[in-house]
Amino acid sequence: MRPRLKMRLGDLLVQEKIIKEAQLEQALADQKQNGRKLGVTLIDLGFITEQELLEFLAKQLNIPFIELSERKIPPETVNLLPEVQARRHRALVVEASATEATVAMSDPADLAAIDAISQFLSPREVNLVVVPDHELLSAFDNLYRRTKDIAQFASQLQTEYEDASEFDLGSLSLDDDDDDATVAKLLQSIFADAVQVRASDIHIEPDNNALRIRMRVDGVLQENVLRETNIASALLLRLKLMSGLDISEKRLPQDGRFHIKVRDHAIDVRVSTLPTQYGESCVMRLLDQSAGLLNLEQTGMPDDILKRVRRLIHRPYGMLIVTGPTGSGKTTTLYGALSELNQAEKKIITVEDPVEYRLPRITQVQVNSKIGLNFSNVLRTTLRQDPDIIMVGEMRDSETVEIGLRGSITGHLVLTTLHTNDSITSALRLIDMGAAPYLVGAALRGVLAQRLIRRVCESCKQPEEIEPQDLALLRRMRPSIPADGSGFVHGRGCRNCNHTGYKGRVGVFELLEMNEAMIDALRDSNMREFAQAARESAGFRPLADVALDYARDGITTVEEVLFLAETVEEKELRIDASVAAEAEEGDDG
């Protein structure tokens, strides 16, 4: 099928009064300079939307316009067209039989692309449907997964080493050009799949009868189970060689790192190994260096919190703590602050383990506890290096806390992280670590607590009916919520979100700024008064309350809000709410 327009696209759009003659002339002039297609140019100039253009083309060419996310496409159908060709021609096979193939395209008037696709799919007759370009790109990432390649290379590796209990080091070259090694190909497929689905971590976990490869996507692990159990040693050996670890040591944990390039992404990989019952487990944290650092605006902070954080980091001295669990974006926020503060007139020193991103003009120190280069020793020396701003990767011990606090009251701005549940408990945590309460009150200027919660998938979100016990808890958190629980959404699951109902994450922030009432309470070592003064301070809003705003705005779900609110106090509240809901149902009955 080779659909053709009876007239040129621009002339048709003018004739149908979708765009004006002057707009067409401007688009044609712009097209000569940028070399892009006319349709793309018209969209970029804002003369027409992508949806309007595609619906117009579908009507003119008598081709159906479909919602791609609503369709379930078998892997064997997708793979009829190789990924390279699919991405090049912006085309995807969505249905196929022995004689016909339905192909979704974002530009059904591209005759050259249609001819190329027809050759690949021959002898099948090609029928076209139209879909938006962004839906195609999302479908490519979701459908062209590397799970088949991973399974294939794992099976091949199992065959090669079927009778071997140990692996020959000579078979695993350190050269980057050794692409023919099956282990290298297996690892390349694993990393390519991880980058494609935006995974933050890769877990390689040997089990009794399986090797599990799990990837953390949007904070949740996705599992791929391989039955080739004895290939784990080969994978770990290769990863240890790449990371510069001791390949003969299998009884103790080890940490390392290496750099790779996957699909034009420069990835910094942090490796951690751990001896387990069935062999060594390996977890790799992926840091995409090519994505660049986020500035403070890009972290997703609300405007009111952003203004207050900026006020805190531009003070000449004092301590700002960013707190939250592992993977909550603390380091990203700190690097965003450092990027803003990084000016020629400021001396900035960081003490990190490890150094995650390299920043120009900033002196970055990697701690090494094996040789005694720990946080406290480096920080003590750092204060003699005439810094204006110090960033400490984490407050891990009492000595580091003491030095950091004293540095912040002697003319230095100290930025650091701490692992606590919320902002209020951070000050108490410093005191638990041995810091004098009066010193915490004098040095601490603010605490920023943050979490990452999942965004509901825009392609499949729909109204949600809230369970009675959950609704009771929500109404206790905020009485203004309607009694029928209306206004909330959830994702039913589609291909765009890998049938999870979620796609992407958004930051939730809680900022506590110290005031006189809190400082007085700390000086008197009255923790109860401190907590009460903190909750009543101006501008303070708990994390769960902020997350509830996102749920009311249709950005996330009630499930994410309640998960975030699962402190001991909230759990007790949930139990009370459940009892009350059951009582109400009993009365109705």
Protein backbone atom coordinates (compact mmCIF):
# COMPACT_ATOMS: atom_id res chain seq x y z
CA MET A 1 0.00 0.00 0.00
CA ARG A 2 1.54 3.31 -1.10
CA PRO A 3 -0.79 6.15 -0.12
CA ARG A 4 -0.13 9.43 -1.88
CA LEU A 5 -1.31 12.96 -1.28
CA LYS A 6 -3.06 14.52 -4.26
CA MET A 7 -1.35 17.82 -3.56
CA ARG A 8 1.68 18.90 -1.57
CA LEU A 9 1.13 18.82 2.18
CA GLY A 10 1.53 22.58 2.66
CA ASP A 11 -0.88 23.44 -0.12
CA LEU A 12 -3.45 21.01 1.26
CA LEU A 13 -3.21 22.53 4.73
CA VAL A 14 -3.72 26.02 3.30
CA GLN A 15 -6.59 24.85 1.12
CA GLU A 16 -8.36 23.31 4.14
CA LYS A 17 -7.69 26.57 6.06
CA ILE A 18 -5.74 24.75 8.77
CA ILE A 19 -2.79 27.12 8.30
CA LYS A 20 -2.43 30.44 6.50
CA GLU A 21 -0.43 31.15 3.33
CA ALA A 22 1.97 33.37 5.29
CA GLN A 23 2.56 30.61 7.82
CA LEU A 24 3.35 28.15 5.03
CA GLU A 25 5.86 30.56 3.48
CA GLN A 26 7.54 31.06 6.85
CA ALA A 27 7.68 27.29 7.43
CA LEU A 28 9.16 26.67 3.94
CA ALA A 29 11.83 29.30 4.56
CA ASP A 30 12.65 27.74 7.92
CA GLN A 31 12.70 24.28 6.35
CA LYS A 32 15.41 25.35 3.88
CA GLN A 33 17.65 26.29 6.80
CA ASN A 34 17.05 23.36 9.13
CA GLY A 35 16.49 20.61 6.55
CA ARG A 36 13.64 19.04 8.51
CA LYS A 37 10.35 17.81 7.11
CA LEU A 38 7.62 20.40 6.58
CA GLY A 39 5.25 18.76 9.07
CA VAL A 40 7.88 18.83 11.83
CA THR A 41 8.69 22.46 11.03
CA LEU A 42 5.01 23.48 11.20
CA ILE A 43 4.67 21.79 14.60
CA ASP A 44 7.87 23.39 15.95
CA LEU A 45 6.67 26.83 14.84
CA GLY A 46 3.38 26.28 16.64
CA PHE A 47 1.22 26.64 13.53
CA ILE A 48 -0.34 23.19 14.01
CA THR A 49 -0.29 20.51 16.67
CA GLU A 50 0.99 17.00 16.05
CA GLN A 51 -2.45 15.59 16.73
CA GLU A 52 -4.09 17.94 14.20
CA LEU A 53 -1.48 17.13 11.54
CA LEU A 54 -1.76 13.37 11.96
CA GLU A 55 -5.55 13.40 11.97
CA PHE A 56 -5.46 15.52 8.79
CA LEU A 57 -3.03 13.11 7.09
CA ALA A 58 -5.08 10.10 8.17
CA LYS A 59 -8.19 11.65 6.63
CA GLN A 60 -6.45 12.65 3.40
CA LEU A 61 -4.78 9.26 2.93
CA ASN A 62 -7.78 7.30 4.21
CA ILE A 63 -5.64 5.64 6.90
CA PRO A 64 -6.88 4.81 10.43
CA PHE A 65 -5.60 6.87 13.38
CA ILE A 66 -5.06 4.62 16.42
CA GLU A 67 -4.11 4.80 20.11
CA LEU A 68 -0.97 2.71 20.26
CA SER A 69 -0.88 2.36 24.05
CA GLU A 70 -4.22 0.52 24.01
CA ARG A 71 -2.86 -2.34 21.91
CA LYS A 72 -1.11 -5.47 23.14
CA ILE A 73 1.51 -6.43 20.58
CA PRO A 74 3.23 -9.85 20.78
CA PRO A 75 7.07 -9.75 20.74
CA GLU A 76 7.20 -11.95 17.64
CA THR A 77 5.10 -9.38 15.76
CA VAL A 78 7.28 -6.47 16.81
CA ASN A 79 10.46 -8.32 15.85
CA LEU A 80 9.33 -8.75 12.24
CA LEU A 81 10.89 -5.31 11.73
CA PRO A 82 14.42 -4.98 13.19
CA GLU A 83 14.81 -2.26 15.80
CA VAL A 84 17.34 -0.32 13.70
CA GLN A 85 14.89 -0.07 10.82
CA ALA A 86 11.94 0.64 13.10
CA ARG A 87 13.69 3.62 14.70
CA ARG A 88 15.10 4.88 11.40
CA HIS A 89 11.73 4.90 9.63
CA ARG A 90 9.58 5.62 12.71
CA ALA A 91 7.54 2.48 12.09
CA LEU A 92 6.23 -0.39 14.20
CA VAL A 93 4.52 -3.64 13.22
CA VAL A 94 1.37 -3.87 15.36
CA GLU A 95 -0.42 -6.79 13.66
CA ALA A 96 0.72 -9.52 11.29
CA SER A 97 -0.49 -12.61 9.52
CA ALA A 98 1.06 -14.81 6.86
CA THR A 99 -0.08 -12.44 4.10
CA GLU A 100 -0.50 -9.00 5.71
CA ALA A 101 1.19 -6.69 8.21
CA THR A 102 -0.25 -3.59 9.85
CA VAL A 103 2.44 -0.96 10.39
CA ALA A 104 2.07 2.12 12.59
CA MET A 105 3.90 5.23 11.33
CA SER A 106 4.16 8.83 12.43
CA ASP A 107 4.67 10.04 8.84
CA PRO A 108 2.48 7.97 6.48
CA ALA A 109 3.41 10.22 3.55
CA ASP A 110 7.10 9.15 3.63
CA LEU A 111 7.17 6.98 0.48
CA ALA A 112 10.87 6.08 0.83
CA ALA A 113 10.28 4.72 4.33
CA ILE A 114 7.22 2.77 3.19
CA ASP A 115 9.22 1.16 0.35
CA ALA A 116 12.01 0.14 2.74
CA ILE A 117 9.54 -1.33 5.23
CA SER A 118 7.72 -3.23 2.49
CA GLN A 119 11.00 -4.87 1.45
CA PHE A 120 11.69 -6.05 5.00
CA LEU A 121 8.18 -7.42 5.43
CA SER A 122 7.87 -8.98 1.95
CA PRO A 123 5.90 -10.99 0.85
CA ARG A 124 3.36 -9.58 3.32
CA GLU A 125 1.20 -6.70 2.11
CA VAL A 126 1.71 -3.59 4.26
CA ASN A 127 -1.28 -1.72 5.65
CA LEU A 128 -0.64 1.58 7.42
CA VAL A 129 -2.07 3.19 10.53
CA VAL A 130 -1.10 6.58 11.97
CA VAL A 131 0.20 7.22 15.52
CA PRO A 132 1.91 10.20 17.18
CA ASP A 133 5.71 10.20 17.06
CA HIS A 134 6.14 10.34 20.85
CA GLU A 135 3.98 7.21 21.22
CA LEU A 136 6.21 5.38 18.75
CA LEU A 137 9.38 6.36 20.60
CA SER A 138 7.90 5.19 23.88
CA ALA A 139 6.79 1.92 22.29
CA PHE A 140 10.29 1.30 20.89
CA ASP A 141 11.80 1.51 24.37
CA ASN A 142 9.13 -0.72 25.91
CA LEU A 143 8.84 -3.35 23.17
CA TYR A 144 12.38 -3.73 21.85
CA ARG A 145 13.69 -5.08 25.17
CA ARG A 146 16.93 -7.10 25.44
CA THR A 147 15.40 -9.98 27.41
CA LYS A 148 15.61 -12.31 24.40
CA ASP A 149 19.27 -11.44 23.82
CA ILE A 150 20.04 -11.87 27.52
CA ALA A 151 18.45 -15.32 27.56
CA GLN A 152 20.21 -16.30 24.33
CA PHE A 153 23.66 -15.26 25.51
CA ALA A 154 23.08 -16.84 28.92
CA SER A 155 22.17 -20.14 27.25
CA GLN A 156 25.24 -19.91 25.00
CA LEU A 157 27.47 -19.18 27.97
CA GLN A 158 25.96 -22.12 29.88
CA THR A 159 26.87 -24.41 26.95
CA GLU A 160 30.42 -23.08 26.71
CA TYR A 161 31.13 -23.63 30.40
CA GLU A 162 28.81 -26.57 31.02
CA ASP A 163 31.48 -28.85 32.43
CA ALA A 164 33.60 -26.19 34.12
CA SER A 165 33.46 -25.41 37.82
CA GLU A 166 35.98 -22.58 37.43
CA PHE A 167 36.48 -20.21 34.52
CA ASP A 168 39.66 -19.56 32.60
CA LEU A 169 40.83 -15.98 33.06
CA GLY A 170 42.30 -16.08 29.59
CA SER A 171 38.84 -16.45 28.09
CA LEU A 172 37.74 -13.14 29.58
CA SER A 173 39.88 -10.45 28.00
CA LEU A 174 40.22 -7.03 29.56
CA ASP A 175 40.39 -5.41 26.11
CA ASP A 176 37.44 -3.26 25.14
CA ASP A 177 37.69 -4.71 21.63
CA ASP A 178 36.88 -8.24 22.85
CA ASP A 179 33.28 -7.97 21.74
CA ASP A 180 33.20 -11.62 20.62
CA ALA A 181 33.33 -12.95 24.19
CA THR A 182 29.91 -14.30 25.13
CA VAL A 183 30.19 -12.85 28.64
CA ALA A 184 30.88 -9.41 27.18
CA LYS A 185 27.87 -9.70 24.88
CA LEU A 186 25.65 -10.81 27.77
CA LEU A 187 26.74 -7.84 29.88
CA GLN A 188 26.29 -5.47 26.94
CA SER A 189 22.71 -6.72 26.53
CA ILE A 190 22.01 -6.29 30.25
CA PHE A 191 23.34 -2.73 30.28
CA ALA A 192 21.54 -1.83 27.03
CA ASP A 193 18.25 -3.09 28.47
CA ALA A 194 18.84 -1.15 31.71
CA VAL A 195 19.54 2.12 29.90
CA GLN A 196 16.54 1.61 27.62
CA VAL A 197 14.09 1.29 30.53
CA ARG A 198 15.81 4.05 32.58
CA ALA A 199 16.88 1.66 35.36
CA SER A 200 18.79 3.15 38.29
CA ASP A 201 20.22 -0.16 39.55
CA ILE A 202 21.01 -3.65 38.27
CA HIS A 203 20.93 -6.59 40.71
CA ILE A 204 22.62 -9.90 39.78
CA GLU A 205 21.54 -12.45 42.38
CA PRO A 206 22.48 -16.16 42.28
CA ASP A 207 19.87 -18.49 43.76
CA ASN A 208 19.60 -22.23 44.23
CA ASN A 209 17.97 -23.03 40.89
CA ALA A 210 18.08 -19.69 39.07
CA LEU A 211 20.06 -16.55 38.39
CA ARG A 212 17.95 -13.45 38.93
CA ILE A 213 18.70 -10.24 37.06
CA ARG A 214 16.57 -7.47 38.50
CA MET A 215 16.42 -3.83 37.45
CA ARG A 216 15.06 -0.98 39.53
CA VAL A 217 12.79 1.18 37.38
CA ASP A 218 11.02 4.13 39.02
CA GLY A 219 11.98 2.74 42.42
CA VAL A 220 10.48 -0.74 41.82
CA LEU A 221 12.43 -3.88 40.85
CA GLN A 222 11.58 -5.74 37.64
CA GLU A 223 12.80 -9.34 37.50
CA ASN A 224 14.24 -11.52 34.74
CA VAL A 225 14.91 -15.12 35.81
CA LEU A 226 17.60 -17.19 34.05
CA ARG A 227 17.88 -20.93 34.60
CA GLU A 228 21.57 -20.97 33.70
CA THR A 229 22.80 -20.84 37.31
CA ASN A 230 26.49 -21.57 36.78
CA ILE A 231 27.12 -18.53 34.59
CA ALA A 232 27.03 -16.24 37.65
CA SER A 233 30.73 -16.81 38.32
CA ALA A 234 31.64 -15.73 34.79
CA LEU A 235 29.56 -12.55 35.08
CA LEU A 236 31.02 -11.64 38.46
CA LEU A 237 34.55 -12.34 37.26
CA ARG A 238 34.15 -10.04 34.29
CA LEU A 239 32.57 -7.30 36.40
CA LYS A 240 35.39 -7.56 38.96
CA LEU A 241 37.99 -7.22 36.21
CA MET A 242 36.19 -4.16 34.85
CA SER A 243 35.91 -2.65 38.35
CA GLY A 244 39.50 -3.28 39.41
CA LEU A 245 38.44 -5.59 42.24
CA ASP A 246 40.30 -8.60 43.67
CA ILE A 247 39.10 -11.55 41.59
CA SER A 248 40.50 -14.08 44.07
CA GLU A 249 38.49 -12.66 47.01
CA LYS A 250 35.05 -14.23 47.25
CA ARG A 251 34.57 -14.21 51.03
CA LEU A 252 34.43 -10.46 51.66
CA PRO A 253 32.32 -7.62 50.20
CA GLN A 254 34.05 -5.36 47.68
CA ASP A 255 33.25 -1.99 46.09
CA GLY A 256 34.45 -0.60 42.78
CA ARG A 257 33.41 1.37 39.75
CA PHE A 258 33.91 1.59 35.98
CA HIS A 259 32.70 3.62 33.01
CA ILE A 260 30.87 2.38 29.94
CA LYS A 261 29.11 3.91 26.96
CA VAL A 262 25.71 2.47 26.04
CA ARG A 263 23.52 3.86 23.25
CA ASP A 264 25.30 7.25 23.34
CA HIS A 265 24.91 7.38 27.13
CA ALA A 266 28.09 7.74 29.21
CA ILE A 267 27.34 5.63 32.29
CA ASP A 268 29.30 5.62 35.53
CA VAL A 269 28.73 2.24 37.19
CA ARG A 270 29.24 1.76 40.94
CA VAL A 271 29.69 -1.91 41.79
CA SER A 272 29.09 -3.62 45.14
CA THR A 273 29.61 -7.37 45.68
CA LEU A 274 28.38 -9.40 48.64
CA PRO A 275 29.05 -13.08 49.49
CA THR A 276 25.80 -15.07 49.77
CA GLN A 277 24.80 -18.69 50.28
CA TYR A 278 24.76 -19.47 46.54
CA GLY A 279 27.64 -17.26 45.40
CA GLU A 280 28.39 -13.57 45.17
CA SER A 281 25.55 -11.09 44.69
CA CYS A 282 26.31 -7.94 42.74
CA VAL A 283 24.46 -4.62 42.71
CA MET A 284 25.36 -1.90 40.21
CA ARG A 285 24.20 1.70 40.55
CA LEU A 286 23.96 3.43 37.15
CA LEU A 287 24.76 7.14 36.96
CA ASP A 288 24.07 8.67 33.56
CA GLN A 289 26.84 11.25 33.15
CA SER A 290 25.62 12.26 29.68
CA ALA A 291 22.29 13.46 31.11
CA GLY A 292 24.09 16.31 32.88
CA LEU A 293 23.44 17.69 36.32
CA LEU A 294 20.03 18.97 37.28
CA ASN A 295 19.77 22.50 38.59
CA LEU A 296 17.55 23.27 41.54
CA GLU A 297 14.57 24.15 39.32
CA GLN A 298 14.79 20.77 37.59
CA THR A 299 14.61 18.83 40.85
CA GLY A 300 10.87 19.56 40.97
CA MET A 301 10.84 21.64 44.15
CA PRO A 302 7.71 23.78 44.59
CA ASP A 303 8.41 27.50 44.14
CA ASP A 304 7.95 28.37 47.81
CA ILE A 305 10.42 25.71 48.98
CA LEU A 306 12.84 26.58 46.16
CA LYS A 307 12.99 30.24 47.26
CA ARG A 308 13.63 29.27 50.87
CA VAL A 309 16.31 26.73 49.94
CA ARG A 310 18.06 29.33 47.80
CA ARG A 311 18.01 31.72 50.74
CA LEU A 312 19.65 29.07 52.91
CA ILE A 313 22.43 28.08 50.49
CA HIS A 314 23.38 31.70 49.83
CA ARG A 315 24.01 32.40 53.51
CA PRO A 316 27.70 32.84 54.39
CA TYR A 317 27.73 30.17 57.10
CA GLY A 318 25.61 27.53 58.80
CA MET A 319 24.61 23.95 58.01
CA LEU A 320 21.93 22.68 55.61
CA ILE A 321 21.07 19.00 55.81
CA VAL A 322 19.36 17.07 53.02
CA THR A 323 17.80 13.90 54.41
CA GLY A 324 16.00 10.85 53.10
CA PRO A 325 16.54 7.14 52.37
CA THR A 326 18.94 5.76 49.77
CA GLY A 327 17.77 6.61 46.25
CA SER A 328 15.63 9.59 47.27
CA GLY A 329 17.64 12.11 45.23
CA LYS A 330 19.66 13.71 48.05
CA THR A 331 22.89 13.81 46.05
CA THR A 332 21.10 15.23 43.02
CA THR A 333 19.74 18.08 45.15
CA LEU A 334 23.15 18.80 46.68
CA TYR A 335 24.86 18.84 43.29
CA GLY A 336 22.15 21.17 42.02
CA ALA A 337 22.96 23.53 44.90
CA LEU A 338 26.71 23.26 44.23
CA SER A 339 26.19 24.03 40.53
CA GLU A 340 24.39 27.24 41.52
CA LEU A 341 27.07 28.19 44.07
CA ASN A 342 29.99 27.31 41.79
CA GLN A 343 31.50 30.73 41.05
CA ALA A 344 35.06 31.94 40.62
CA GLU A 345 35.03 33.89 43.89
CA LYS A 346 33.96 30.87 45.97
CA LYS A 347 36.25 28.07 47.18
CA ILE A 348 34.21 24.86 47.32
CA ILE A 349 35.51 21.54 48.65
CA THR A 350 33.54 18.29 48.70
CA VAL A 351 34.26 15.15 50.74
CA GLU A 352 32.47 12.20 49.13
CA ASP A 353 32.29 8.41 49.03
CA PRO A 354 32.29 8.04 46.12
CA VAL A 355 32.60 11.14 43.94
CA GLU A 356 29.53 10.71 41.75
CA TYR A 357 29.81 13.64 39.33
CA ARG A 358 32.87 15.63 38.35
CA LEU A 359 32.43 19.37 38.66
CA PRO A 360 34.85 21.99 37.26
CA ARG A 361 36.48 24.46 39.68
CA ILE A 362 35.32 22.42 42.70
CA THR A 363 37.90 20.47 44.75
CA GLN A 364 36.44 16.99 45.17
CA VAL A 365 37.99 14.48 47.58
CA GLN A 366 37.28 10.74 47.50
CA VAL A 367 37.52 9.15 50.95
CA ASN A 368 39.43 5.89 51.33
CA SER A 369 38.95 4.27 54.71
CA LYS A 370 41.49 1.51 53.91
CA ILE A 371 44.32 4.00 54.24
CA GLY A 372 42.73 6.09 56.97
CA LEU A 373 41.37 8.74 54.62
CA ASN A 374 37.94 8.84 56.26
CA PHE A 375 35.36 11.61 56.45
CA SER A 376 36.57 13.07 59.75
CA ASN A 377 40.25 13.16 58.74
CA VAL A 378 39.53 14.73 55.36
CA LEU A 379 37.07 17.22 56.84
CA ARG A 380 39.57 18.31 59.50
CA THR A 381 42.15 19.02 56.78
CA THR A 382 39.54 20.66 54.56
CA LEU A 383 38.97 23.38 57.15
CA ARG A 384 42.64 24.35 56.74
CA GLN A 385 42.22 24.72 52.96
CA ASP A 386 40.44 28.11 53.28
CA PRO A 387 37.07 26.99 51.88
CA ASP A 388 33.94 29.09 51.67
CA ILE A 389 31.62 26.13 51.14
CA ILE A 390 32.05 22.50 52.20
CA MET A 391 29.93 19.59 51.06
CA VAL A 392 30.16 16.42 53.17
CA GLY A 393 28.71 13.37 51.44
CA GLU A 394 27.21 11.96 54.64
CA MET A 395 27.35 12.54 58.40
CA ARG A 396 28.38 9.01 59.41
CA ASP A 397 29.94 9.30 62.86
CA SER A 398 30.14 11.58 65.88
CA GLU A 399 33.55 12.99 64.96
CA THR A 400 32.40 14.03 61.48
CA VAL A 401 29.27 15.61 62.98
CA GLU A 402 31.32 17.55 65.53
CA ILE A 403 33.79 18.90 62.96
CA GLY A 404 31.01 19.78 60.50
CA LEU A 405 28.98 21.65 63.10
CA ARG A 406 31.99 23.59 64.38
CA GLY A 407 33.01 24.42 60.82
CA SER A 408 29.56 25.83 60.11
CA ILE A 409 29.76 28.28 63.04
CA THR A 410 33.24 29.48 62.10
CA GLY A 411 32.38 31.11 58.79
CA HIS A 412 31.71 28.15 56.47
CA LEU A 413 28.57 27.01 54.69
CA VAL A 414 28.29 23.24 55.21
CA LEU A 415 26.02 21.11 53.02
CA THR A 416 25.55 17.48 53.94
CA THR A 417 23.19 14.48 54.00
CA LEU A 418 21.76 12.33 56.75
CA HIS A 419 19.64 9.18 56.76
CA THR A 420 16.47 9.97 58.71
CA ASN A 421 12.75 9.66 58.02
CA ASP A 422 11.90 13.37 58.11
CA SER A 423 13.32 16.80 58.79
CA ILE A 424 12.34 17.04 62.46
CA THR A 425 14.18 13.87 63.50
CA SER A 426 17.39 15.04 61.78
CA ALA A 427 18.30 17.47 64.57
CA LEU A 428 17.54 14.78 67.13
CA ARG A 429 19.68 12.32 65.18
CA LEU A 430 22.68 14.66 65.36
CA ILE A 431 22.25 14.81 69.14
CA ASP A 432 21.96 11.01 69.32
CA MET A 433 25.30 10.84 67.46
CA GLY A 434 26.94 12.78 70.29
CA ALA A 435 26.60 16.43 69.21
CA ALA A 436 25.89 18.95 71.97
CA PRO A 437 22.31 20.29 71.67
CA TYR A 438 23.47 23.92 71.96
CA LEU A 439 25.95 23.34 69.10
CA VAL A 440 23.21 21.89 66.87
CA GLY A 441 21.03 24.91 67.64
CA ALA A 442 23.84 27.34 66.83
CA ALA A 443 24.96 25.67 63.59
CA LEU A 444 21.89 24.14 61.94
CA ARG A 445 19.99 26.49 59.62
CA GLY A 446 17.65 24.13 57.85
CA VAL A 447 16.77 20.53 56.99
CA LEU A 448 15.34 19.48 53.62
CA ALA A 449 13.67 16.05 53.68
CA GLN A 450 12.80 14.50 50.34
CA ARG A 451 11.35 11.40 48.73
CA LEU A 452 10.68 10.25 45.19
CA ILE A 453 7.15 9.02 44.50
CA ARG A 454 5.90 7.45 41.31
CA ARG A 455 3.92 9.43 38.74
CA VAL A 456 0.69 7.92 37.49
CA CYS A 457 0.91 6.95 33.82
CA GLU A 458 -0.69 9.66 31.68
CA SER A 459 -1.63 7.15 28.99
CA CYS A 460 -3.85 4.98 31.16
CA LYS A 461 -4.86 6.99 34.22
CA GLN A 462 -8.51 6.87 35.22
CA PRO A 463 -10.68 7.73 38.26
CA GLU A 464 -10.03 5.56 41.31
CA GLU A 465 -12.49 4.27 43.88
CA ILE A 466 -10.86 4.56 47.31
CA GLU A 467 -11.19 1.78 49.90
CA PRO A 468 -13.15 2.89 53.01
CA GLN A 469 -10.22 2.47 55.42
CA ASP A 470 -7.88 4.39 53.10
CA LEU A 471 -10.45 7.14 52.66
CA ALA A 472 -10.88 7.42 56.44
CA LEU A 473 -7.12 7.86 56.82
CA LEU A 474 -6.98 10.46 54.05
CA ARG A 475 -9.82 12.44 55.61
CA ARG A 476 -8.04 12.43 58.95
CA MET A 477 -4.98 13.82 57.19
CA ARG A 478 -7.13 16.41 55.39
CA PRO A 479 -10.82 16.79 56.38
CA SER A 480 -11.64 18.76 53.22
CA ILE A 481 -11.41 15.61 51.08
CA PRO A 482 -14.90 14.70 49.75
CA ALA A 483 -16.74 12.02 51.71
CA ASP A 484 -17.15 9.96 48.52
CA GLY A 485 -13.38 10.02 47.84
CA SER A 486 -13.82 11.47 44.36
CA GLY A 487 -11.06 13.30 42.51
CA PHE A 488 -8.29 10.68 42.77
CA VAL A 489 -6.80 8.71 39.88
CA HIS A 490 -4.76 5.57 39.28
CA GLY A 491 -3.24 3.86 36.24
CA ARG A 492 -4.96 0.75 34.96
CA GLY A 493 -1.71 -0.37 33.26
CA CYS A 494 -0.69 -0.16 29.62
CA ARG A 495 2.33 -0.76 27.41
CA ASN A 496 3.69 2.74 28.00
CA CYS A 497 4.12 2.00 31.71
CA ASN A 498 4.92 -1.71 31.34
CA HIS A 499 1.47 -2.40 32.84
CA THR A 500 2.44 -0.95 36.23
CA GLY A 501 0.17 2.10 36.15
CA TYR A 502 3.16 4.35 36.84
CA LYS A 503 5.77 6.05 34.68
CA GLY A 504 8.49 8.32 36.04
CA ARG A 505 8.89 9.84 39.49
CA VAL A 506 8.44 13.22 41.10
CA GLY A 507 10.16 14.68 44.16
CA VAL A 508 8.30 15.42 47.40
CA PHE A 509 10.01 17.93 49.71
CA GLU A 510 9.64 18.99 53.34
CA LEU A 511 11.67 22.01 54.50
CA LEU A 512 12.27 22.85 58.14
CA GLU A 513 13.94 26.20 58.87
CA MET A 514 15.25 26.77 62.36
CA ASN A 515 13.63 29.56 64.38
CA GLU A 516 14.16 30.96 67.88
CA ALA A 517 11.63 28.64 69.51
CA MET A 518 13.38 25.55 68.11
CA ILE A 519 16.86 26.85 69.00
CA ASP A 520 15.75 27.62 72.58
CA ALA A 521 14.27 24.13 72.89
CA LEU A 522 17.56 22.58 71.73
CA ARG A 523 19.60 24.66 74.15
CA ASP A 524 17.39 23.39 76.98
CA SER A 525 17.66 19.83 75.60
CA ASN A 526 13.86 19.71 75.48
CA MET A 527 13.21 17.48 72.48
CA ARG A 528 9.45 17.42 72.93
CA GLU A 529 9.23 21.22 72.77
CA PHE A 530 11.58 21.21 69.78
CA ALA A 531 9.35 18.81 67.83
CA GLN A 532 6.24 20.80 68.73
CA ALA A 533 7.86 24.11 67.72
CA ALA A 534 9.01 22.54 64.43
CA ARG A 535 5.51 21.33 63.52
CA GLU A 536 4.10 24.77 64.25
CA SER A 537 6.83 26.71 62.41
CA ALA A 538 5.92 28.94 59.45
CA GLY A 539 5.90 27.21 56.09
CA PHE A 540 6.41 23.70 57.47
CA ARG A 541 4.38 20.97 55.77
CA PRO A 542 4.95 17.22 56.31
CA LEU A 543 5.95 15.04 53.37
CA ALA A 544 2.67 13.14 53.34
CA ASP A 545 0.68 16.38 53.19
CA VAL A 546 2.69 17.56 50.19
CA ALA A 547 2.26 14.17 48.50
CA LEU A 548 -1.48 14.44 49.07
CA ASP A 549 -1.45 17.63 46.98
CA TYR A 550 0.08 15.65 44.12
CA ALA A 551 -2.63 13.01 44.45
CA ARG A 552 -5.36 15.67 44.40
CA ASP A 553 -3.78 17.14 41.25
CA GLY A 554 -3.78 13.76 39.49
CA ILE A 555 0.02 13.47 39.47
CA THR A 556 0.27 10.41 41.72
CA THR A 557 -2.01 7.94 43.45
CA VAL A 558 -3.43 7.39 46.92
CA GLU A 559 -1.28 4.25 47.12
CA GLU A 560 1.89 6.35 46.90
CA VAL A 561 0.62 8.85 49.50
CA LEU A 562 -0.23 6.13 52.00
CA PHE A 563 3.09 4.36 51.41
CA LEU A 564 4.89 7.62 52.16
CA ALA A 565 2.78 8.16 55.28
CA GLU A 566 3.68 4.78 56.78
CA THR A 567 5.35 6.02 59.98
CA VAL A 568 4.50 4.42 63.31
CA GLU A 569 1.99 7.17 64.03
CA GLU A 570 0.34 6.78 60.63
CA LYS A 571 0.15 2.99 61.03
CA GLU A 572 -1.74 3.42 64.29
CA LEU A 573 -4.01 5.93 62.56
CA ARG A 574 -4.61 3.42 59.74
CA ILE A 575 -5.68 0.76 62.26
CA ASP A 576 -8.12 3.17 63.92
CA ALA A 577 -9.46 4.22 60.51
CA SER A 578 -9.95 0.58 59.48
CA VAL A 579 -11.86 -0.20 62.68
CA ALA A 580 -14.06 2.88 62.16
CA ALA A 581 -14.74 1.92 58.52
CA GLU A 582 -15.70 -1.64 59.52
CA ALA A 583 -18.04 -0.26 62.19
CA GLU A 584 -19.70 2.01 59.61
CA GLU A 585 -20.17 -0.93 57.22
CA GLY A 586 -21.65 -2.97 60.08
CA ASP A 587 -24.11 -0.18 60.85
CA ASP A 588 -25.11 0.02 57.17
CA GLY A 589 -25.70 -3.72 57.17
